[in-house]
PDB file of N, CA and C in Angstrom:
ATOM      1  N   MET A   1       2.681   0.559  -4.359  1.00  0.00           N
ATOM      2  CA  MET A   1       0.878   0.658  -3.999  1.00  0.00           C
ATOM      3  C   MET A   1      -0.154  -0.520  -3.879  1.00  0.00           C
ATOM      4  N   LYS A   2      -0.059  -0.788  -2.657  1.00  0.00           N
ATOM      5  CA  LYS A   2      -0.968  -1.602  -2.723  1.00  0.00           C
ATOM      6  C   LYS A   2      -1.879  -2.269  -2.535  1.00  0.00           C
ATOM      7  N   PRO A   3      -3.245  -2.845  -2.514  1.00  0.00           N
ATOM      8  CA  PRO A   3      -4.401  -3.236  -3.733  1.00  0.00           C
ATOM      9  C   PRO A   3      -5.185  -3.015  -2.655  1.00  0.00           C
ATOM     10  N   LYS A   4      -6.224  -2.024  -2.860  1.00  0.00           N
ATOM     11  CA  LYS A   4      -7.316  -1.701  -1.727  1.00  0.00           C
ATOM     12  C   LYS A   4      -8.414  -2.686  -1.621  1.00  0.00           C
ATOM     13  N   VAL A   5      -7.997  -3.439  -1.104  1.00  0.00           N
ATOM     14  CA  VAL A   5      -9.521  -4.745  -1.407  1.00  0.00           C
ATOM     15  C   VAL A   5     -10.931  -4.368  -0.589  1.00  0.00           C
ATOM     16  N   GLN A   6     -12.492  -3.822  -1.109  1.00  0.00           N
ATOM     17  CA  GLN A   6     -13.239  -3.965  -0.572  1.00  0.00           C
ATOM     18  C   GLN A   6     -13.817  -4.906   0.129  1.00  0.00           C
ATOM     19  N   ALA A   7     -15.810  -4.794   0.075  1.00  0.00           N
ATOM     20  CA  ALA A   7     -15.960  -5.458   0.194  1.00  0.00           C
ATOM     21  C   ALA A   7     -16.272  -7.327  -0.602  1.00  0.00           C
ATOM     22  N   ALA A   8     -16.541  -8.186  -0.083  1.00  0.00           N
ATOM     23  CA  ALA A   8     -16.505  -9.844  -1.480  1.00  0.00           C
ATOM     24  C   ALA A   8     -16.866  -9.104  -2.393  1.00  0.00           C
ATOM     25  N   GLY A   9     -16.840  -9.567  -3.512  1.00  0.00           N
ATOM     26  CA  GLY A   9     -17.598  -9.238  -4.869  1.00  0.00           C
ATOM     27  C   GLY A   9     -17.532  -7.981  -4.586  1.00  0.00           C
ATOM     28  N   ALA A  10     -16.645  -6.925  -4.268  1.00  0.00           N
ATOM     29  CA  ALA A  10     -16.741  -5.229  -4.934  1.00  0.00           C
ATOM     30  C   ALA A  10     -15.374  -5.284  -5.290  1.00  0.00           C
ATOM     31  N   LEU A  11     -15.268  -3.551  -5.906  1.00  0.00           N
ATOM     32  CA  LEU A  11     -14.079  -3.205  -6.658  1.00  0.00           C
ATOM     33  C   LEU A  11     -13.095  -3.648  -5.988  1.00  0.00           C
ATOM     34  N   VAL A  12     -11.880  -3.847  -6.600  1.00  0.00           N
ATOM     35  CA  VAL A  12     -10.530  -3.995  -5.992  1.00  0.00           C
ATOM     36  C   VAL A  12      -9.476  -2.928  -6.935  1.00  0.00           C
ATOM     37  N   GLU A  13      -9.017  -2.313  -5.866  1.00  0.00           N
ATOM     38  CA  GLU A  13      -8.127  -1.150  -6.720  1.00  0.00           C
ATOM     39  C   GLU A  13      -6.673  -1.612  -6.896  1.00  0.00           C
ATOM     40  N   LEU A  14      -5.930  -1.922  -7.847  1.00  0.00           N
ATOM     41  CA  LEU A  14      -4.668  -2.726  -7.996  1.00  0.00           C
ATOM     42  C   LEU A  14      -3.660  -1.587  -8.086  1.00  0.00           C
ATOM     43  N   GLY A  15      -3.730  -0.361  -7.791  1.00  0.00           N
ATOM     44  CA  GLY A  15      -2.795   0.332  -8.421  1.00  0.00           C
ATOM     45  C   GLY A  15      -3.796   1.764  -9.197  1.00  0.00           C
ATOM     46  N   GLU A  16      -2.941   3.126  -8.869  1.00  0.00           N
ATOM     47  CA  GLU A  16      -3.448   4.121  -9.325  1.00  0.00           C
ATOM     48  C   GLU A  16      -4.192   4.294 -10.571  1.00  0.00           C
ATOM     49  N   HIS A  17      -4.275   3.041 -12.056  1.00  0.00           N
ATOM     50  CA  HIS A  17      -4.521   3.773 -12.454  1.00  0.00           C
ATOM     51  C   HIS A  17      -5.114   1.977 -12.996  1.00  0.00           C
ATOM     52  N   ILE A  18      -5.327   1.018 -12.351  1.00  0.00           N
ATOM     53  CA  ILE A  18      -5.604  -0.238 -12.536  1.00  0.00           C
ATOM     54  C   ILE A  18      -6.739  -0.824 -11.082  1.00  0.00           C
ATOM     55  N   VAL A  19      -7.797  -1.461 -11.933  1.00  0.00           N
ATOM     56  CA  VAL A  19      -9.087  -2.119 -10.784  1.00  0.00           C
ATOM     57  C   VAL A  19      -9.267  -3.132 -11.130  1.00  0.00           C
ATOM     58  N   ALA A  20     -10.092  -4.315 -10.623  1.00  0.00           N
ATOM     59  CA  ALA A  20     -10.875  -5.333 -10.877  1.00  0.00           C
ATOM     60  C   ALA A  20     -11.766  -4.913 -10.597  1.00  0.00           C
ATOM     61  N   ASP A  21     -12.730  -4.736 -11.094  1.00  0.00           N
ATOM     62  CA  ASP A  21     -14.391  -4.889 -10.792  1.00  0.00           C
ATOM     63  C   ASP A  21     -15.309  -5.710 -11.336  1.00  0.00           C
ATOM     64  N   PRO A  22     -16.140  -6.727 -10.364  1.00  0.00           N
ATOM     65  CA  PRO A  22     -17.051  -7.664 -10.936  1.00  0.00           C
ATOM     66  C   PRO A  22     -18.002  -7.802 -11.559  1.00  0.00           C
ATOM     67  N   ARG A  23     -18.002  -6.335 -12.187  1.00  0.00           N
ATOM     68  CA  ARG A  23     -19.082  -5.530 -12.802  1.00  0.00           C
ATOM     69  C   ARG A  23     -18.618  -5.105 -14.304  1.00  0.00           C
ATOM     70  N   VAL A  24     -17.511  -5.253 -14.217  1.00  0.00           N
ATOM     71  CA  VAL A  24     -16.496  -4.809 -15.637  1.00  0.00           C
ATOM     72  C   VAL A  24     -15.610  -5.895 -15.904  1.00  0.00           C
ATOM     73  N   CYS A  25     -15.604  -6.366 -16.971  1.00  0.00           N
ATOM     74  CA  CYS A  25     -15.288  -7.367 -17.922  1.00  0.00           C
ATOM     75  C   CYS A  25     -14.531  -8.597 -16.938  1.00  0.00           C
ATOM     76  N   HIS A  26     -16.012  -9.430 -16.518  1.00  0.00           N
ATOM     77  CA  HIS A  26     -15.811 -10.457 -15.319  1.00  0.00           C
ATOM     78  C   HIS A  26     -14.899 -10.313 -14.504  1.00  0.00           C
ATOM     79  N   GLY A  27     -14.379  -8.960 -14.095  1.00  0.00           N
ATOM     80  CA  GLY A  27     -13.985  -8.703 -12.864  1.00  0.00           C
ATOM     81  C   GLY A  27     -12.309  -8.377 -13.332  1.00  0.00           C
ATOM     82  N   LYS A  28     -11.895  -8.955 -14.724  1.00  0.00           N
ATOM     83  CA  LYS A  28     -10.442  -9.021 -14.969  1.00  0.00           C
ATOM     84  C   LYS A  28     -10.002  -7.726 -14.741  1.00  0.00           C
ATOM     85  N   PRO A  29      -8.727  -7.500 -14.197  1.00  0.00           N
ATOM     86  CA  PRO A  29      -8.063  -5.831 -14.194  1.00  0.00           C
ATOM     87  C   PRO A  29      -8.080  -5.512 -15.809  1.00  0.00           C
ATOM     88  N   THR A  30      -8.563  -4.381 -15.043  1.00  0.00           N
ATOM     89  CA  THR A  30      -9.049  -2.663 -16.301  1.00  0.00           C
ATOM     90  C   THR A  30      -8.202  -1.809 -15.985  1.00  0.00           C
ATOM     91  N   PHE A  31      -8.103  -0.719 -16.807  1.00  0.00           N
ATOM     92  CA  PHE A  31      -7.745   0.437 -16.360  1.00  0.00           C
ATOM     93  C   PHE A  31      -8.999   1.620 -16.200  1.00  0.00           C
ATOM     94  N   LYS A  32      -8.907   2.332 -14.741  1.00  0.00           N
ATOM     95  CA  LYS A  32      -9.986   3.131 -14.447  1.00  0.00           C
ATOM     96  C   LYS A  32     -10.740   3.338 -15.011  1.00  0.00           C
ATOM     97  N   GLY A  33     -12.247   3.255 -14.782  1.00  0.00           N
ATOM     98  CA  GLY A  33     -12.635   4.354 -16.412  1.00  0.00           C
ATOM     99  C   GLY A  33     -12.893   3.822 -17.480  1.00  0.00           C
ATOM    100  N   THR A  34     -12.481   2.525 -17.819  1.00  0.00           N
ATOM    101  CA  THR A  34     -12.390   2.175 -18.842  1.00  0.00           C
ATOM    102  C   THR A  34     -12.857   0.402 -19.099  1.00  0.00           C
ATOM    103  N   ARG A  35     -13.099  -0.582 -20.152  1.00  0.00           N
ATOM    104  CA  ARG A  35     -13.464  -1.882 -20.215  1.00  0.00           C
ATOM    105  C   ARG A  35     -11.919  -2.472 -21.072  1.00  0.00           C
ATOM    106  N   VAL A  36     -10.408  -1.545 -20.933  1.00  0.00           N
ATOM    107  CA  VAL A  36      -9.635  -1.778 -21.440  1.00  0.00           C
ATOM    108  C   VAL A  36      -8.622  -2.923 -20.645  1.00  0.00           C
ATOM    109  N   MET A  37      -8.924  -3.945 -20.703  1.00  0.00           N
ATOM    110  CA  MET A  37      -8.500  -4.823 -20.174  1.00  0.00           C
ATOM    111  C   MET A  37      -6.382  -4.867 -20.109  1.00  0.00           C
ATOM    112  N   VAL A  38      -5.919  -4.836 -18.743  1.00  0.00           N
ATOM    113  CA  VAL A  38      -4.588  -4.675 -18.688  1.00  0.00           C
ATOM    114  C   VAL A  38      -3.908  -5.960 -19.526  1.00  0.00           C
ATOM    115  N   HIS A  39      -4.426  -7.538 -19.706  1.00  0.00           N
ATOM    116  CA  HIS A  39      -3.634  -7.844 -20.450  1.00  0.00           C
ATOM    117  C   HIS A  39      -3.331  -7.572 -21.245  1.00  0.00           C
ATOM    118  N   GLN A  40      -4.509  -6.917 -22.278  1.00  0.00           N
ATOM    119  CA  GLN A  40      -4.203  -6.615 -23.580  1.00  0.00           C
ATOM    120  C   GLN A  40      -3.171  -5.603 -24.321  1.00  0.00           C
ATOM    121  N   VAL A  41      -2.726  -4.522 -22.977  1.00  0.00           N
ATOM    122  CA  VAL A  41      -1.936  -3.225 -22.802  1.00  0.00           C
ATOM    123  C   VAL A  41      -0.666  -4.587 -23.037  1.00  0.00           C
ATOM    124  N   LEU A  42      -0.369  -5.265 -22.099  1.00  0.00           N
ATOM    125  CA  LEU A  42       0.416  -6.043 -21.882  1.00  0.00           C
ATOM    126  C   LEU A  42       0.839  -6.472 -23.486  1.00  0.00           C
ATOM    127  N   GLU A  43       0.199  -7.467 -23.676  1.00  0.00           N
ATOM    128  CA  GLU A  43       0.281  -8.053 -25.356  1.00  0.00           C
ATOM    129  C   GLU A  43       1.062  -6.776 -26.040  1.00  0.00           C
ATOM    130  N   GLN A  44       0.783  -5.910 -26.169  1.00  0.00           N
ATOM    131  CA  GLN A  44       1.039  -5.186 -27.333  1.00  0.00           C
ATOM    132  C   GLN A  44       2.350  -4.752 -26.400  1.00  0.00           C
ATOM    133  N   VAL A  45       2.760  -4.572 -25.082  1.00  0.00           N
ATOM    134  CA  VAL A  45       4.137  -4.260 -24.813  1.00  0.00           C
ATOM    135  C   VAL A  45       5.040  -5.043 -25.609  1.00  0.00           C
ATOM    136  N   ALA A  46       4.468  -6.604 -25.133  1.00  0.00           N
ATOM    137  CA  ALA A  46       5.286  -7.572 -25.218  1.00  0.00           C
ATOM    138  C   ALA A  46       5.542  -7.698 -26.486  1.00  0.00           C
ATOM    139  N   HIS A  47       4.905  -7.054 -27.462  1.00  0.00           N
ATOM    140  CA  HIS A  47       5.025  -7.355 -29.049  1.00  0.00           C
ATOM    141  C   HIS A  47       6.268  -6.068 -29.415  1.00  0.00           C
ATOM    142  N   GLY A  48       6.380  -5.500 -28.893  1.00  0.00           N
ATOM    143  CA  GLY A  48       7.514  -3.929 -28.832  1.00  0.00           C
ATOM    144  C   GLY A  48       6.312  -3.199 -29.264  1.00  0.00           C
ATOM    145  N   THR A  49       5.154  -3.000 -29.397  1.00  0.00           N
ATOM    146  CA  THR A  49       4.590  -1.672 -29.374  1.00  0.00           C
ATOM    147  C   THR A  49       4.875  -0.699 -29.197  1.00  0.00           C
ATOM    148  N   PRO A  50       5.844   0.791 -29.234  1.00  0.00           N
ATOM    149  CA  PRO A  50       5.965   1.983 -28.720  1.00  0.00           C
ATOM    150  C   PRO A  50       4.864   2.256 -28.308  1.00  0.00           C
ATOM    151  N   ARG A  51       5.173   2.305 -26.687  1.00  0.00           N
ATOM    152  CA  ARG A  51       4.111   3.303 -25.612  1.00  0.00           C
ATOM    153  C   ARG A  51       2.908   4.443 -26.076  1.00  0.00           C
ATOM    154  N   GLU A  52       3.817   5.011 -27.581  1.00  0.00           N
ATOM    155  CA  GLU A  52       3.017   6.506 -27.603  1.00  0.00           C
ATOM    156  C   GLU A  52       1.726   5.473 -28.867  1.00  0.00           C
ATOM    157  N   ARG A  53       2.465   4.699 -29.407  1.00  0.00           N
ATOM    158  CA  ARG A  53       1.354   4.036 -30.270  1.00  0.00           C
ATOM    159  C   ARG A  53      -0.258   3.247 -29.090  1.00  0.00           C
ATOM    160  N   ILE A  54       0.572   3.104 -28.034  1.00  0.00           N
ATOM    161  CA  ILE A  54      -0.579   2.467 -27.362  1.00  0.00           C
ATOM    162  C   ILE A  54      -1.475   3.013 -27.033  1.00  0.00           C
ATOM    163  N   VAL A  55      -0.934   4.630 -26.803  1.00  0.00           N
ATOM    164  CA  VAL A  55      -1.870   5.305 -25.956  1.00  0.00           C
ATOM    165  C   VAL A  55      -2.954   5.784 -27.305  1.00  0.00           C
ATOM    166  N   TRP A  56      -2.199   5.978 -28.359  1.00  0.00           N
ATOM    167  CA  TRP A  56      -3.009   6.462 -29.663  1.00  0.00           C
ATOM    168  C   TRP A  56      -4.241   5.669 -30.176  1.00  0.00           C
ATOM    169  N   SER A  57      -3.733   4.143 -29.851  1.00  0.00           N
ATOM    170  CA  SER A  57      -4.708   2.999 -30.182  1.00  0.00           C
ATOM    171  C   SER A  57      -5.551   2.901 -29.496  1.00  0.00           C
ATOM    172  N   TRP A  58      -5.616   3.105 -28.207  1.00  0.00           N
ATOM    173  CA  TRP A  58      -6.648   3.279 -27.477  1.00  0.00           C
ATOM    174  C   TRP A  58      -7.212   4.991 -27.186  1.00  0.00           C
ATOM    175  N   ARG A  59      -7.064   5.471 -27.668  1.00  0.00           N
ATOM    176  CA  ARG A  59      -7.567   6.954 -27.788  1.00  0.00           C
ATOM    177  C   ARG A  59      -7.266   7.696 -26.242  1.00  0.00           C
ATOM    178  N   GLY A  60      -6.036   7.800 -26.321  1.00  0.00           N
ATOM    179  CA  GLY A  60      -5.903   8.150 -24.857  1.00  0.00           C
ATOM    180  C   GLY A  60      -6.491   7.913 -23.468  1.00  0.00           C
ATOM    181  N   ARG A  61      -7.383   6.637 -23.406  1.00  0.00           N
ATOM    182  CA  ARG A  61      -7.665   6.077 -22.290  1.00  0.00           C
ATOM    183  C   ARG A  61      -7.296   5.427 -21.504  1.00  0.00           C
ATOM    184  N   VAL A  62      -5.509   5.025 -21.957  1.00  0.00           N
ATOM    185  CA  VAL A  62      -4.814   4.275 -21.767  1.00  0.00           C
ATOM    186  C   VAL A  62      -3.763   5.265 -21.411  1.00  0.00           C
ATOM    187  N   THR A  63      -2.721   5.723 -20.453  1.00  0.00           N
ATOM    188  CA  THR A  63      -2.458   6.547 -20.595  1.00  0.00           C
ATOM    189  C   THR A  63      -0.511   6.174 -20.588  1.00  0.00           C
ATOM    190  N   MET A  64       0.308   6.770 -20.256  1.00  0.00           N
ATOM    191  CA  MET A  64       1.724   6.117 -20.041  1.00  0.00           C
ATOM    192  C   MET A  64       2.165   5.973 -19.192  1.00  0.00           C
ATOM    193  N   PRO A  65       1.303   6.897 -17.544  1.00  0.00           N
ATOM    194  CA  PRO A  65       1.689   6.334 -16.669  1.00  0.00           C
ATOM    195  C   PRO A  65       0.885   4.425 -16.084  1.00  0.00           C
ATOM    196  N   ALA A  66      -0.283   4.610 -16.740  1.00  0.00           N
ATOM    197  CA  ALA A  66      -1.357   3.659 -16.599  1.00  0.00           C
ATOM    198  C   ALA A  66      -0.595   2.488 -16.958  1.00  0.00           C
ATOM    199  N   ILE A  67       0.155   2.062 -18.172  1.00  0.00           N
ATOM    200  CA  ILE A  67       1.397   1.333 -18.818  1.00  0.00           C
ATOM    201  C   ILE A  67       1.774   1.262 -18.037  1.00  0.00           C
ATOM    202  N   THR A  68       2.513   2.081 -17.497  1.00  0.00           N
ATOM    203  CA  THR A  68       4.245   1.932 -16.362  1.00  0.00           C
ATOM    204  C   THR A  68       3.473   0.870 -15.771  1.00  0.00           C
ATOM    205  N   GLU A  69       2.259   1.606 -14.491  1.00  0.00           N
ATOM    206  CA  GLU A  69       1.888   0.660 -14.181  1.00  0.00           C
ATOM    207  C   GLU A  69       1.712  -0.717 -14.111  1.00  0.00           C
ATOM    208  N   ALA A  70       1.259  -1.167 -15.109  1.00  0.00           N
ATOM    209  CA  ALA A  70       0.712  -2.306 -15.440  1.00  0.00           C
ATOM    210  C   ALA A  70       1.622  -3.097 -15.827  1.00  0.00           C
ATOM    211  N   VAL A  71       2.872  -2.499 -16.410  1.00  0.00           N
ATOM    212  CA  VAL A  71       4.408  -3.548 -16.377  1.00  0.00           C
ATOM    213  C   VAL A  71       4.699  -4.055 -15.199  1.00  0.00           C
ATOM    214  N   GLN A  72       4.580  -2.838 -14.634  1.00  0.00           N
ATOM    215  CA  GLN A  72       5.259  -2.944 -13.221  1.00  0.00           C
ATOM    216  C   GLN A  72       4.947  -3.488 -12.210  1.00  0.00           C
ATOM    217  N   LEU A  73       3.061  -3.468 -12.043  1.00  0.00           N
ATOM    218  CA  LEU A  73       2.253  -4.372 -11.578  1.00  0.00           C
ATOM    219  C   LEU A  73       2.797  -6.136 -12.301  1.00  0.00           C
ATOM    220  N   ALA A  74       3.293  -6.485 -13.322  1.00  0.00           N
ATOM    221  CA  ALA A  74       3.119  -7.538 -13.924  1.00  0.00           C
ATOM    222  C   ALA A  74       4.592  -8.151 -13.491  1.00  0.00           C
ATOM    223  N   SER A  75       5.686  -7.393 -13.001  1.00  0.00           N
ATOM    224  CA  SER A  75       6.393  -7.578 -12.769  1.00  0.00           C
ATOM    225  C   SER A  75       7.001  -8.003 -11.030  1.00  0.00           C
ATOM    226  N   ARG A  76       5.917  -7.490 -10.618  1.00  0.00           N
ATOM    227  CA  ARG A  76       6.063  -7.982  -9.217  1.00  0.00           C
ATOM    228  C   ARG A  76       5.130  -9.285  -8.832  1.00  0.00           C
ATOM    229  N   LEU A  77       4.016  -9.328  -9.801  1.00  0.00           N
ATOM    230  CA  LEU A  77       3.460 -10.610 -10.019  1.00  0.00           C
ATOM    231  C   LEU A  77       4.424 -11.668 -10.046  1.00  0.00           C
ATOM    232  N   PHE A  78       5.072 -11.268 -10.963  1.00  0.00           N
ATOM    233  CA  PHE A  78       6.354 -12.699 -11.042  1.00  0.00           C
ATOM    234  C   PHE A  78       7.420 -13.159 -10.228  1.00  0.00           C
ATOM    235  N   GLN A  79       7.909 -11.773  -9.787  1.00  0.00           N
ATOM    236  CA  GLN A  79       8.578 -12.156  -8.928  1.00  0.00           C
ATOM    237  C   GLN A  79       7.562 -12.927  -7.349  1.00  0.00           C
ATOM    238  N   GLU A  80       6.819 -12.266  -7.242  1.00  0.00           N
ATOM    239  CA  GLU A  80       5.977 -13.168  -5.957  1.00  0.00           C
ATOM    240  C   GLU A  80       5.946 -14.872  -6.775  1.00  0.00           C
ATOM    241  N   LYS A  81       5.891 -14.938  -7.731  1.00  0.00           N
ATOM    242  CA  LYS A  81       5.223 -16.306  -7.988  1.00  0.00           C
ATOM    243  C   LYS A  81       6.911 -17.038  -8.271  1.00  0.00           C
ATOM    244  N   ASP A  82       7.783 -15.917  -8.458  1.00  0.00           N
ATOM    245  CA  ASP A  82       9.072 -16.594  -8.294  1.00  0.00           C
ATOM    246  C   ASP A  82       9.223 -17.679  -7.245  1.00  0.00           C
ATOM    247  N   ARG A  83       9.333 -16.707  -6.015  1.00  0.00           N
ATOM    248  CA  ARG A  83       9.353 -16.755  -4.777  1.00  0.00           C
ATOM    249  C   ARG A  83       8.538 -18.462  -4.106  1.00  0.00           C
ATOM    250  N   LEU A  84       7.266 -17.778  -4.770  1.00  0.00           N
ATOM    251  CA  LEU A  84       6.657 -19.231  -4.371  1.00  0.00           C
ATOM    252  C   LEU A  84       6.672 -20.726  -4.899  1.00  0.00           C
ATOM    253  N   LEU A  85       7.598 -20.068  -6.181  1.00  0.00           N
ATOM    254  CA  LEU A  85       8.209 -21.435  -6.799  1.00  0.00           C
ATOM    255  C   LEU A  85       9.482 -22.714  -6.210  1.00  0.00           C
ATOM    256  N   ILE A  86      10.038 -21.420  -6.393  1.00  0.00           N
ATOM    257  CA  ILE A  86      11.433 -21.942  -4.996  1.00  0.00           C
ATOM    258  C   ILE A  86      11.473 -22.105  -3.918  1.00  0.00           C
ATOM    259  N   ALA A  87      10.116 -21.425  -3.322  1.00  0.00           N
ATOM    260  CA  ALA A  87       9.386 -22.490  -1.891  1.00  0.00           C
ATOM    261  C   ALA A  87       9.462 -23.764  -2.177  1.00  0.00           C
ATOM    262  N   ARG A  88       9.177 -24.592  -2.956  1.00  0.00           N
ATOM    263  CA  ARG A  88       8.112 -25.567  -2.521  1.00  0.00           C
ATOM    264  C   ARG A  88       8.801 -26.614  -2.596  1.00  0.00           C
TER     265      ARG A  88
END
């Protein structure tokens, strides 16, 4: 899913489950309808926390599909960053 960019300073949909809203957590990517920042969940994934435990730790506000989307988005960002670094 391509990001849906709104007017400057407005909500940006980064996926089905992830948004960046300047009114929430200073515009850092969060899971829709929460103040849970994507980087917090990615840190849990990086530490090897089972996804079921991550869902439980956020009391179901972060779902399995949302975790999968966060990991996929991070992967795509690194792929794009690699292309930029190689192009230099």
